[in-house]
């Protein structure tokens, strides 16, 4: 698996923000997806200009920690930024600004063309800690979406598709009868049961019969669920059902995972402030 370089440009006065960014990107590093580069990687005696140029030329993403100090930095504006912007114009690099302090970001035409990770009117420096952490978490999801070749707005979807696919991979290997896994968000859930006699998953999505009244599915939500291949059995209370056949030559679990996450995003309107929870026999 190839690691992609994520280049971080920041002013040294904003190093506390760099530290939180690095923490939130660490799981992607542990997964072997990225290699985070910032000037702390430079060692005494290194040919630093060459090191920076090499890092920028190999980077797939650049995260800019924007503040007044960032825009005032002669080194950033004369060395790092021109190279990053040239690479972005060629389509070789995605630029992700994070507004960490009040600045003239929106008044800087060459930067304002990029969608910031947070509202420029509410920089991280004025946000409560919990809200700052959510910005960093969503930024990490955005990075993962970009690495998967998906739109930056697909971050939550990509992360949860990975969660679902990992659990389904375990379920395919589970040999016990009635092995199952449940994905949930609040009161909503989707359950998979492995059929050991035939190569298939039996899947159920919770119906209104098992939900609090305030969470009952609208007719539009039901239509969306049916469009995703689910049916509601006749006669009595029951969840919506769908069968997924397993291909012994290599089931495309990513396609199944995509459907599951679409159920939560489009049918259940799950909040994107928390990822799906996984429970069931395979987690024990």
C-alpha atoms as a PDB file:
ATOM      1  CA  UNK A   1       0.000   0.000   0.000  1.00  0.00           C
ATOM      2  CA  UNK A   2       1.370   3.385  -1.018  1.00  0.00           C
ATOM      3  CA  UNK A   3       1.558   6.089   1.617  1.00  0.00           C
ATOM      4  CA  UNK A   4       0.493   9.524   0.370  1.00  0.00           C
ATOM      5  CA  UNK A   5       2.312  12.602   1.611  1.00  0.00           C
ATOM      6  CA  UNK A   6       0.220  15.216   3.410  1.00  0.00           C
ATOM      7  CA  UNK A   7       2.147  18.481   3.551  1.00  0.00           C
ATOM      8  CA  UNK A   8       1.309  20.842   6.427  1.00  0.00           C
ATOM      9  CA  UNK A   9       2.152  24.537   6.139  1.00  0.00           C
ATOM     10  CA  UNK A  10       1.844  26.626   9.310  1.00  0.00           C
ATOM     11  CA  UNK A  11       3.308  29.565  11.211  1.00  0.00           C
ATOM     12  CA  UNK A  12       5.375  28.583  14.223  1.00  0.00           C
ATOM     13  CA  UNK A  13       3.162  30.632  16.532  1.00  0.00           C
ATOM     14  CA  UNK A  14       0.360  28.236  15.599  1.00  0.00           C
ATOM     15  CA  UNK A  15       2.250  25.097  16.552  1.00  0.00           C
ATOM     16  CA  UNK A  16      -0.397  24.114  19.143  1.00  0.00           C
ATOM     17  CA  UNK A  17      -2.870  23.725  16.273  1.00  0.00           C
ATOM     18  CA  UNK A  18      -0.324  21.669  14.352  1.00  0.00           C
ATOM     19  CA  UNK A  19      -0.043  19.330  17.328  1.00  0.00           C
ATOM     20  CA  UNK A  20      -3.817  18.664  17.410  1.00  0.00           C
ATOM     21  CA  UNK A  21      -3.900  18.158  13.642  1.00  0.00           C
ATOM     22  CA  UNK A  22      -1.128  15.576  13.863  1.00  0.00           C
ATOM     23  CA  UNK A  23      -3.025  13.723  16.607  1.00  0.00           C
ATOM     24  CA  UNK A  24      -6.177  13.498  14.483  1.00  0.00           C
ATOM     25  CA  UNK A  25      -4.244  12.318  11.419  1.00  0.00           C
ATOM     26  CA  UNK A  26      -2.315   9.686  13.369  1.00  0.00           C
ATOM     27  CA  UNK A  27      -4.861   6.856  12.765  1.00  0.00           C
ATOM     28  CA  UNK A  28      -4.439   7.356   9.011  1.00  0.00           C
ATOM     29  CA  UNK A  29      -0.676   7.125   9.482  1.00  0.00           C
ATOM     30  CA  UNK A  30      -1.049   3.956  11.553  1.00  0.00           C
ATOM     31  CA  UNK A  31      -3.218   2.503   8.766  1.00  0.00           C
ATOM     32  CA  UNK A  32      -0.393   3.130   6.306  1.00  0.00           C
ATOM     33  CA  UNK A  33      -2.431   5.608   4.254  1.00  0.00           C
ATOM     34  CA  UNK A  34      -0.489   8.830   4.759  1.00  0.00           C
ATOM     35  CA  UNK A  35       2.841  10.306   5.741  1.00  0.00           C
ATOM     36  CA  UNK A  36       2.428  13.711   7.412  1.00  0.00           C
ATOM     37  CA  UNK A  37       5.203  16.167   6.554  1.00  0.00           C
ATOM     38  CA  UNK A  38       5.891  19.468   8.294  1.00  0.00           C
ATOM     39  CA  UNK A  39       9.076  21.417   8.999  1.00  0.00           C
ATOM     40  CA  UNK A  40       9.619  19.554  12.266  1.00  0.00           C
ATOM     41  CA  UNK A  41      10.920  16.765  10.003  1.00  0.00           C
ATOM     42  CA  UNK A  42      13.918  18.909   9.058  1.00  0.00           C
ATOM     43  CA  UNK A  43      17.137  17.993  10.831  1.00  0.00           C
ATOM     44  CA  UNK A  44      20.082  20.319  11.563  1.00  0.00           C
ATOM     45  CA  UNK A  45      22.382  20.605   8.569  1.00  0.00           C
ATOM     46  CA  UNK A  46      19.728  19.425   6.103  1.00  0.00           C
ATOM     47  CA  UNK A  47      19.358  21.133   2.750  1.00  0.00           C
ATOM     48  CA  UNK A  48      15.994  22.445   3.908  1.00  0.00           C
ATOM     49  CA  UNK A  49      14.919  24.113   0.678  1.00  0.00           C
ATOM     50  CA  UNK A  50      15.460  20.891  -1.227  1.00  0.00           C
ATOM     51  CA  UNK A  51      13.692  18.873   1.489  1.00  0.00           C
ATOM     52  CA  UNK A  52      10.641  21.154   1.345  1.00  0.00           C
ATOM     53  CA  UNK A  53      10.537  21.139  -2.461  1.00  0.00           C
ATOM     54  CA  UNK A  54      10.705  17.341  -2.475  1.00  0.00           C
ATOM     55  CA  UNK A  55       7.907  17.047   0.092  1.00  0.00           C
ATOM     56  CA  UNK A  56       5.677  19.431  -1.858  1.00  0.00           C
ATOM     57  CA  UNK A  57       6.323  17.711  -5.180  1.00  0.00           C
ATOM     58  CA  UNK A  58       5.324  14.331  -3.712  1.00  0.00           C
ATOM     59  CA  UNK A  59       2.333  15.583  -1.716  1.00  0.00           C
ATOM     60  CA  UNK A  60      -1.218  14.643  -2.653  1.00  0.00           C
ATOM     61  CA  UNK A  61      -2.738  17.007  -0.089  1.00  0.00           C
ATOM     62  CA  UNK A  62      -1.626  20.214   1.563  1.00  0.00           C
ATOM     63  CA  UNK A  63      -3.208  21.425   4.790  1.00  0.00           C
ATOM     64  CA  UNK A  64      -2.742  25.142   5.421  1.00  0.00           C
ATOM     65  CA  UNK A  65      -3.190  26.401   8.989  1.00  0.00           C
ATOM     66  CA  UNK A  66      -4.322  29.928   8.152  1.00  0.00           C
ATOM     67  CA  UNK A  67      -3.859  32.840  10.573  1.00  0.00           C
ATOM     68  CA  UNK A  68      -2.540  36.393  10.478  1.00  0.00           C
ATOM     69  CA  UNK A  69       0.888  34.954  11.345  1.00  0.00           C
ATOM     70  CA  UNK A  70       0.627  32.510   8.433  1.00  0.00           C
ATOM     71  CA  UNK A  71      -0.148  35.289   5.950  1.00  0.00           C
ATOM     72  CA  UNK A  72       2.582  37.499   7.442  1.00  0.00           C
ATOM     73  CA  UNK A  73       5.286  34.836   7.152  1.00  0.00           C
ATOM     74  CA  UNK A  74       7.827  35.817   4.503  1.00  0.00           C
ATOM     75  CA  UNK A  75       9.064  32.252   4.266  1.00  0.00           C
ATOM     76  CA  UNK A  76       5.593  30.764   3.735  1.00  0.00           C
ATOM     77  CA  UNK A  77       4.401  33.367   1.227  1.00  0.00           C
ATOM     78  CA  UNK A  78       7.674  33.409  -0.739  1.00  0.00           C
ATOM     79  CA  UNK A  79       8.690  29.740  -0.632  1.00  0.00           C
ATOM     80  CA  UNK A  80       6.007  27.223   0.371  1.00  0.00           C
ATOM     81  CA  UNK A  81       2.826  28.854  -0.876  1.00  0.00           C
ATOM     82  CA  UNK A  82       3.867  29.574  -4.497  1.00  0.00           C
ATOM     83  CA  UNK A  83       4.984  25.966  -4.961  1.00  0.00           C
ATOM     84  CA  UNK A  84       1.817  24.594  -3.366  1.00  0.00           C
ATOM     85  CA  UNK A  85      -0.419  26.780  -5.523  1.00  0.00           C
ATOM     86  CA  UNK A  86       1.400  25.806  -8.719  1.00  0.00           C
ATOM     87  CA  UNK A  87       0.949  22.150  -7.874  1.00  0.00           C
ATOM     88  CA  UNK A  88      -2.732  22.742  -7.097  1.00  0.00           C
ATOM     89  CA  UNK A  89      -3.282  24.508 -10.442  1.00  0.00           C
ATOM     90  CA  UNK A  90      -1.814  21.465 -12.219  1.00  0.00           C
ATOM     91  CA  UNK A  91      -4.326  19.276 -10.419  1.00  0.00           C
ATOM     92  CA  UNK A  92      -1.561  17.353  -8.665  1.00  0.00           C
ATOM     93  CA  UNK A  93      -2.468  18.585  -5.196  1.00  0.00           C
ATOM     94  CA  UNK A  94      -5.580  19.261  -3.117  1.00  0.00           C
ATOM     95  CA  UNK A  95      -5.352  22.288  -0.824  1.00  0.00           C
ATOM     96  CA  UNK A  96      -7.305  22.142   2.456  1.00  0.00           C
ATOM     97  CA  UNK A  97      -7.227  25.415   4.432  1.00  0.00           C
ATOM     98  CA  UNK A  98      -8.082  25.400   8.141  1.00  0.00           C
ATOM     99  CA  UNK A  99      -8.750  28.830   9.633  1.00  0.00           C
ATOM    100  CA  UNK A 100      -6.999  28.741  13.003  1.00  0.00           C
ATOM    101  CA  UNK A 101      -6.995  32.492  13.692  1.00  0.00           C
ATOM    102  CA  UNK A 102      -8.606  35.704  12.462  1.00  0.00           C
ATOM    103  CA  UNK A 103      -6.960  36.801   9.215  1.00  0.00           C
ATOM    104  CA  UNK A 104      -7.478  38.239   5.737  1.00  0.00           C
ATOM    105  CA  UNK A 105      -8.029  34.777   4.263  1.00  0.00           C
ATOM    106  CA  UNK A 106     -11.158  35.806   2.337  1.00  0.00           C
ATOM    107  CA  UNK A 107      -9.365  38.923   1.102  1.00  0.00           C
ATOM    108  CA  UNK A 108      -6.470  36.886  -0.283  1.00  0.00           C
ATOM    109  CA  UNK A 109      -7.721  35.925  -3.730  1.00  0.00           C
ATOM    110  CA  UNK A 110      -5.227  33.121  -4.351  1.00  0.00           C
ATOM    111  CA  UNK A 111      -6.334  31.340  -1.148  1.00  0.00           C
ATOM    112  CA  UNK A 112     -10.026  32.255  -0.954  1.00  0.00           C
ATOM    113  CA  UNK A 113     -10.736  30.055  -4.005  1.00  0.00           C
ATOM    114  CA  UNK A 114     -10.213  27.009  -1.775  1.00  0.00           C
ATOM    115  CA  UNK A 115     -13.046  25.781   0.481  1.00  0.00           C
ATOM    116  CA  UNK A 116     -11.948  26.106   4.106  1.00  0.00           C
ATOM    117  CA  UNK A 117     -12.556  23.247   6.531  1.00  0.00           C
ATOM    118  CA  UNK A 118     -14.332  25.655   8.901  1.00  0.00           C
ATOM    119  CA  UNK A 119     -16.154  28.980   8.731  1.00  0.00           C
ATOM    120  CA  UNK A 120     -13.566  31.775   8.293  1.00  0.00           C
ATOM    121  CA  UNK A 121     -15.761  33.964  10.501  1.00  0.00           C
ATOM    122  CA  UNK A 122     -15.321  31.454  13.336  1.00  0.00           C
ATOM    123  CA  UNK A 123     -11.641  30.461  13.448  1.00  0.00           C
ATOM    124  CA  UNK A 124     -10.487  27.668  15.746  1.00  0.00           C
ATOM    125  CA  UNK A 125      -9.057  30.190  18.207  1.00  0.00           C
ATOM    126  CA  UNK A 126     -12.578  31.329  19.203  1.00  0.00           C
ATOM    127  CA  UNK A 127     -14.242  27.909  19.263  1.00  0.00           C
ATOM    128  CA  UNK A 128     -14.894  25.783  22.357  1.00  0.00           C
ATOM    129  CA  UNK A 129     -12.573  22.790  22.661  1.00  0.00           C
ATOM    130  CA  UNK A 130     -15.256  20.257  21.691  1.00  0.00           C
ATOM    131  CA  UNK A 131     -16.110  22.180  18.527  1.00  0.00           C
ATOM    132  CA  UNK A 132     -12.438  22.511  17.585  1.00  0.00           C
ATOM    133  CA  UNK A 133     -12.038  18.773  17.966  1.00  0.00           C
ATOM    134  CA  UNK A 134     -15.002  18.173  15.635  1.00  0.00           C
ATOM    135  CA  UNK A 135     -13.338  20.367  13.000  1.00  0.00           C
ATOM    136  CA  UNK A 136     -10.145  18.299  13.229  1.00  0.00           C
ATOM    137  CA  UNK A 137     -12.103  15.054  13.124  1.00  0.00           C
ATOM    138  CA  UNK A 138     -14.023  16.107  10.010  1.00  0.00           C
ATOM    139  CA  UNK A 139     -10.793  17.271   8.393  1.00  0.00           C
ATOM    140  CA  UNK A 140      -9.311  13.802   8.889  1.00  0.00           C
ATOM    141  CA  UNK A 141     -12.411  12.344   7.219  1.00  0.00           C
ATOM    142  CA  UNK A 142     -11.964  14.772   4.330  1.00  0.00           C
ATOM    143  CA  UNK A 143      -8.367  13.597   3.908  1.00  0.00           C
ATOM    144  CA  UNK A 144      -9.535   9.985   3.799  1.00  0.00           C
ATOM    145  CA  UNK A 145     -12.178  10.832   1.178  1.00  0.00           C
ATOM    146  CA  UNK A 146      -9.571  12.512  -1.015  1.00  0.00           C
ATOM    147  CA  UNK A 147      -7.266   9.502  -0.763  1.00  0.00           C
ATOM    148  CA  UNK A 148     -10.160   7.286  -1.863  1.00  0.00           C
ATOM    149  CA  UNK A 149     -10.687   9.465  -4.927  1.00  0.00           C
ATOM    150  CA  UNK A 150     -14.057  10.662  -3.648  1.00  0.00           C
ATOM    151  CA  UNK A 151     -15.441  14.207  -3.307  1.00  0.00           C
ATOM    152  CA  UNK A 152     -14.178  15.989  -0.202  1.00  0.00           C
ATOM    153  CA  UNK A 153     -17.745  16.151   1.114  1.00  0.00           C
ATOM    154  CA  UNK A 154     -17.881  12.331   1.177  1.00  0.00           C
ATOM    155  CA  UNK A 155     -15.649  12.132   4.253  1.00  0.00           C
ATOM    156  CA  UNK A 156     -18.250  10.728   6.660  1.00  0.00           C
ATOM    157  CA  UNK A 157     -19.449   8.265   4.031  1.00  0.00           C
ATOM    158  CA  UNK A 158     -15.953   6.975   3.233  1.00  0.00           C
ATOM    159  CA  UNK A 159     -14.994   6.527   6.892  1.00  0.00           C
ATOM    160  CA  UNK A 160     -18.168   4.610   7.689  1.00  0.00           C
ATOM    161  CA  UNK A 161     -17.940   2.487   4.555  1.00  0.00           C
ATOM    162  CA  UNK A 162     -14.523   1.393   5.823  1.00  0.00           C
ATOM    163  CA  UNK A 163     -16.010   0.583   9.241  1.00  0.00           C
ATOM    164  CA  UNK A 164     -18.841  -1.456   7.686  1.00  0.00           C
ATOM    165  CA  UNK A 165     -16.567  -3.263   5.246  1.00  0.00           C
ATOM    166  CA  UNK A 166     -14.156  -4.284   7.998  1.00  0.00           C
ATOM    167  CA  UNK A 167     -16.983  -5.812  10.031  1.00  0.00           C
ATOM    168  CA  UNK A 168     -18.442  -7.609   7.010  1.00  0.00           C
ATOM    169  CA  UNK A 169     -15.035  -9.061   6.176  1.00  0.00           C
ATOM    170  CA  UNK A 170     -14.981 -10.587   9.665  1.00  0.00           C
ATOM    171  CA  UNK A 171     -18.509 -11.879   9.204  1.00  0.00           C
ATOM    172  CA  UNK A 172     -17.619 -13.644   5.940  1.00  0.00           C
ATOM    173  CA  UNK A 173     -14.874 -15.557   7.777  1.00  0.00           C
ATOM    174  CA  UNK A 174     -17.072 -16.415  10.779  1.00  0.00           C
ATOM    175  CA  UNK A 175     -17.930 -20.124  10.701  1.00  0.00           C
ATOM    176  CA  UNK A 176     -20.416 -20.359  13.558  1.00  0.00           C
ATOM    177  CA  UNK A 177     -24.100 -20.701  12.780  1.00  0.00           C
ATOM    178  CA  UNK A 178     -26.189 -17.524  13.190  1.00  0.00           C
ATOM    179  CA  UNK A 179     -23.185 -15.204  13.189  1.00  0.00           C
ATOM    180  CA  UNK A 180     -24.370 -11.609  12.957  1.00  0.00           C
ATOM    181  CA  UNK A 181     -23.292  -7.990  13.116  1.00  0.00           C
ATOM    182  CA  UNK A 182     -25.308  -4.846  13.832  1.00  0.00           C
ATOM    183  CA  UNK A 183     -24.520  -1.329  12.650  1.00  0.00           C
ATOM    184  CA  UNK A 184     -26.318   1.407  14.569  1.00  0.00           C
ATOM    185  CA  UNK A 185     -26.706   5.140  14.951  1.00  0.00           C
ATOM    186  CA  UNK A 186     -28.951   6.157  17.820  1.00  0.00           C
ATOM    187  CA  UNK A 187     -32.161   4.087  17.581  1.00  0.00           C
ATOM    188  CA  UNK A 188     -31.588   3.152  13.940  1.00  0.00           C
ATOM    189  CA  UNK A 189     -29.834  -0.049  12.962  1.00  0.00           C
ATOM    190  CA  UNK A 190     -29.013  -2.367  10.077  1.00  0.00           C
ATOM    191  CA  UNK A 191     -28.340  -6.023  10.894  1.00  0.00           C
ATOM    192  CA  UNK A 192     -26.530  -8.701   8.893  1.00  0.00           C
ATOM    193  CA  UNK A 193     -26.882 -12.435   9.555  1.00  0.00           C
ATOM    194  CA  UNK A 194     -24.615 -14.863   7.741  1.00  0.00           C
ATOM    195  CA  UNK A 195     -26.274 -17.898   6.175  1.00  0.00           C
ATOM    196  CA  UNK A 196     -23.817 -20.757   6.695  1.00  0.00           C
ATOM    197  CA  UNK A 197     -25.782 -23.088   4.423  1.00  0.00           C
ATOM    198  CA  UNK A 198     -25.792 -20.763   1.446  1.00  0.00           C
ATOM    199  CA  UNK A 199     -23.351 -18.025   0.350  1.00  0.00           C
ATOM    200  CA  UNK A 200     -25.378 -15.021   1.394  1.00  0.00           C
ATOM    201  CA  UNK A 201     -26.062 -12.344   4.003  1.00  0.00           C
ATOM    202  CA  UNK A 202     -29.584 -11.778   5.267  1.00  0.00           C
ATOM    203  CA  UNK A 203     -29.857  -8.053   5.943  1.00  0.00           C
ATOM    204  CA  UNK A 204     -32.509  -6.200   7.950  1.00  0.00           C
ATOM    205  CA  UNK A 205     -33.062  -2.449   8.299  1.00  0.00           C
ATOM    206  CA  UNK A 206     -35.176  -1.351  11.259  1.00  0.00           C
ATOM    207  CA  UNK A 207     -38.767  -0.431  10.433  1.00  0.00           C
ATOM    208  CA  UNK A 208     -41.026   2.104  12.135  1.00  0.00           C
ATOM    209  CA  UNK A 209     -42.609  -0.735  14.188  1.00  0.00           C
ATOM    210  CA  UNK A 210     -39.446  -0.871  16.281  1.00  0.00           C
ATOM    211  CA  UNK A 211     -38.677   2.857  16.420  1.00  0.00           C
ATOM    212  CA  UNK A 212     -39.924   5.583  18.770  1.00  0.00           C
ATOM    213  CA  UNK A 213     -42.817   7.473  17.195  1.00  0.00           C
ATOM    214  CA  UNK A 214     -40.724  10.593  16.701  1.00  0.00           C
ATOM    215  CA  UNK A 215     -38.346   8.558  14.512  1.00  0.00           C
ATOM    216  CA  UNK A 216     -40.906   6.826  12.315  1.00  0.00           C
ATOM    217  CA  UNK A 217     -39.883   6.740   8.673  1.00  0.00           C
ATOM    218  CA  UNK A 218     -41.587   9.158   6.330  1.00  0.00           C
ATOM    219  CA  UNK A 219     -43.080   7.946   3.065  1.00  0.00           C
ATOM    220  CA  UNK A 220     -40.098   9.534   1.299  1.00  0.00           C
ATOM    221  CA  UNK A 221     -37.657   7.626   3.521  1.00  0.00           C
ATOM    222  CA  UNK A 222     -39.489   4.364   2.828  1.00  0.00           C
ATOM    223  CA  UNK A 223     -39.290   5.012  -0.925  1.00  0.00           C
ATOM    224  CA  UNK A 224     -35.552   5.588  -0.630  1.00  0.00           C
ATOM    225  CA  UNK A 225     -35.163   2.354   1.334  1.00  0.00           C
ATOM    226  CA  UNK A 226     -37.097   0.420  -1.297  1.00  0.00           C
ATOM    227  CA  UNK A 227     -34.965   2.038  -4.017  1.00  0.00           C
ATOM    228  CA  UNK A 228     -31.932   0.550  -2.239  1.00  0.00           C
ATOM    229  CA  UNK A 229     -33.420  -2.926  -2.688  1.00  0.00           C
ATOM    230  CA  UNK A 230     -35.165  -3.438   0.676  1.00  0.00           C
ATOM    231  CA  UNK A 231     -38.667  -4.879   0.953  1.00  0.00           C
ATOM    232  CA  UNK A 232     -41.148  -4.963   3.848  1.00  0.00           C
ATOM    233  CA  UNK A 233     -42.538  -8.501   4.374  1.00  0.00           C
ATOM    234  CA  UNK A 234     -46.305  -8.790   4.408  1.00  0.00           C
ATOM    235  CA  UNK A 235     -48.192  -9.754   7.509  1.00  0.00           C
ATOM    236  CA  UNK A 236     -47.198  -8.496  10.906  1.00  0.00           C
ATOM    237  CA  UNK A 237     -44.411  -6.317  12.233  1.00  0.00           C
ATOM    238  CA  UNK A 238     -41.037  -6.908  10.671  1.00  0.00           C
ATOM    239  CA  UNK A 239     -37.961  -5.055   9.575  1.00  0.00           C
ATOM    240  CA  UNK A 240     -37.242  -4.231   5.965  1.00  0.00           C
ATOM    241  CA  UNK A 241     -35.192  -7.012   4.377  1.00  0.00           C
ATOM    242  CA  UNK A 242     -32.670  -7.518   1.639  1.00  0.00           C
ATOM    243  CA  UNK A 243     -30.530 -10.487   0.662  1.00  0.00           C
ATOM    244  CA  UNK A 244     -26.930 -10.046  -0.425  1.00  0.00           C
ATOM    245  CA  UNK A 245     -25.384 -12.981  -2.246  1.00  0.00           C
ATOM    246  CA  UNK A 246     -21.730 -13.679  -1.584  1.00  0.00           C
ATOM    247  CA  UNK A 247     -19.441 -14.271  -4.524  1.00  0.00           C
ATOM    248  CA  UNK A 248     -17.016 -17.077  -3.574  1.00  0.00           C
ATOM    249  CA  UNK A 249     -14.480 -15.626  -6.015  1.00  0.00           C
ATOM    250  CA  UNK A 250     -14.377 -12.369  -4.118  1.00  0.00           C
ATOM    251  CA  UNK A 251     -17.468 -10.614  -2.861  1.00  0.00           C
ATOM    252  CA  UNK A 252     -17.449  -6.884  -3.497  1.00  0.00           C
ATOM    253  CA  UNK A 253     -18.045  -5.924   0.105  1.00  0.00           C
ATOM    254  CA  UNK A 254     -17.305  -2.298  -0.683  1.00  0.00           C
ATOM    255  CA  UNK A 255     -20.515  -2.137  -2.741  1.00  0.00           C
ATOM    256  CA  UNK A 256     -22.526  -3.627   0.136  1.00  0.00           C
ATOM    257  CA  UNK A 257     -20.880  -1.239   2.606  1.00  0.00           C
ATOM    258  CA  UNK A 258     -21.810   1.692   0.377  1.00  0.00           C
ATOM    259  CA  UNK A 259     -25.480   0.644   0.437  1.00  0.00           C
ATOM    260  CA  UNK A 260     -25.468   0.310   4.230  1.00  0.00           C
ATOM    261  CA  UNK A 261     -24.021   3.777   4.748  1.00  0.00           C
ATOM    262  CA  UNK A 262     -26.480   5.245   2.243  1.00  0.00           C
ATOM    263  CA  UNK A 263     -29.309   3.771   4.331  1.00  0.00           C
ATOM    264  CA  UNK A 264     -28.077   5.685   7.368  1.00  0.00           C
ATOM    265  CA  UNK A 265     -27.302   8.881   5.461  1.00  0.00           C
ATOM    266  CA  UNK A 266     -30.317   9.049   3.130  1.00  0.00           C
ATOM    267  CA  UNK A 267     -33.049   7.090   4.924  1.00  0.00           C
ATOM    268  CA  UNK A 268     -32.317   7.479   8.629  1.00  0.00           C
ATOM    269  CA  UNK A 269     -30.686  10.933   8.279  1.00  0.00           C
ATOM    270  CA  UNK A 270     -28.050   9.950  10.819  1.00  0.00           C
ATOM    271  CA  UNK A 271     -25.984  12.700  12.384  1.00  0.00           C
ATOM    272  CA  UNK A 272     -22.497  13.062  10.982  1.00  0.00           C
ATOM    273  CA  UNK A 273     -21.059  14.047  14.340  1.00  0.00           C
ATOM    274  CA  UNK A 274     -20.531  10.385  15.245  1.00  0.00           C
ATOM    275  CA  UNK A 275     -19.595   7.296  13.262  1.00  0.00           C
ATOM    276  CA  UNK A 276     -21.642   4.113  13.111  1.00  0.00           C
ATOM    277  CA  UNK A 277     -21.366   1.731  16.049  1.00  0.00           C
ATOM    278  CA  UNK A 278     -20.640  -1.946  15.507  1.00  0.00           C
ATOM    279  CA  UNK A 279     -21.981  -4.714  17.752  1.00  0.00           C
ATOM    280  CA  UNK A 280     -22.926  -8.366  17.478  1.00  0.00           C
ATOM    281  CA  UNK A 281     -21.344 -11.790  17.579  1.00  0.00           C
ATOM    282  CA  UNK A 282     -18.215 -10.947  15.574  1.00  0.00           C
ATOM    283  CA  UNK A 283     -17.144  -8.233  18.019  1.00  0.00           C
ATOM    284  CA  UNK A 284     -16.830 -10.620  20.973  1.00  0.00           C
END
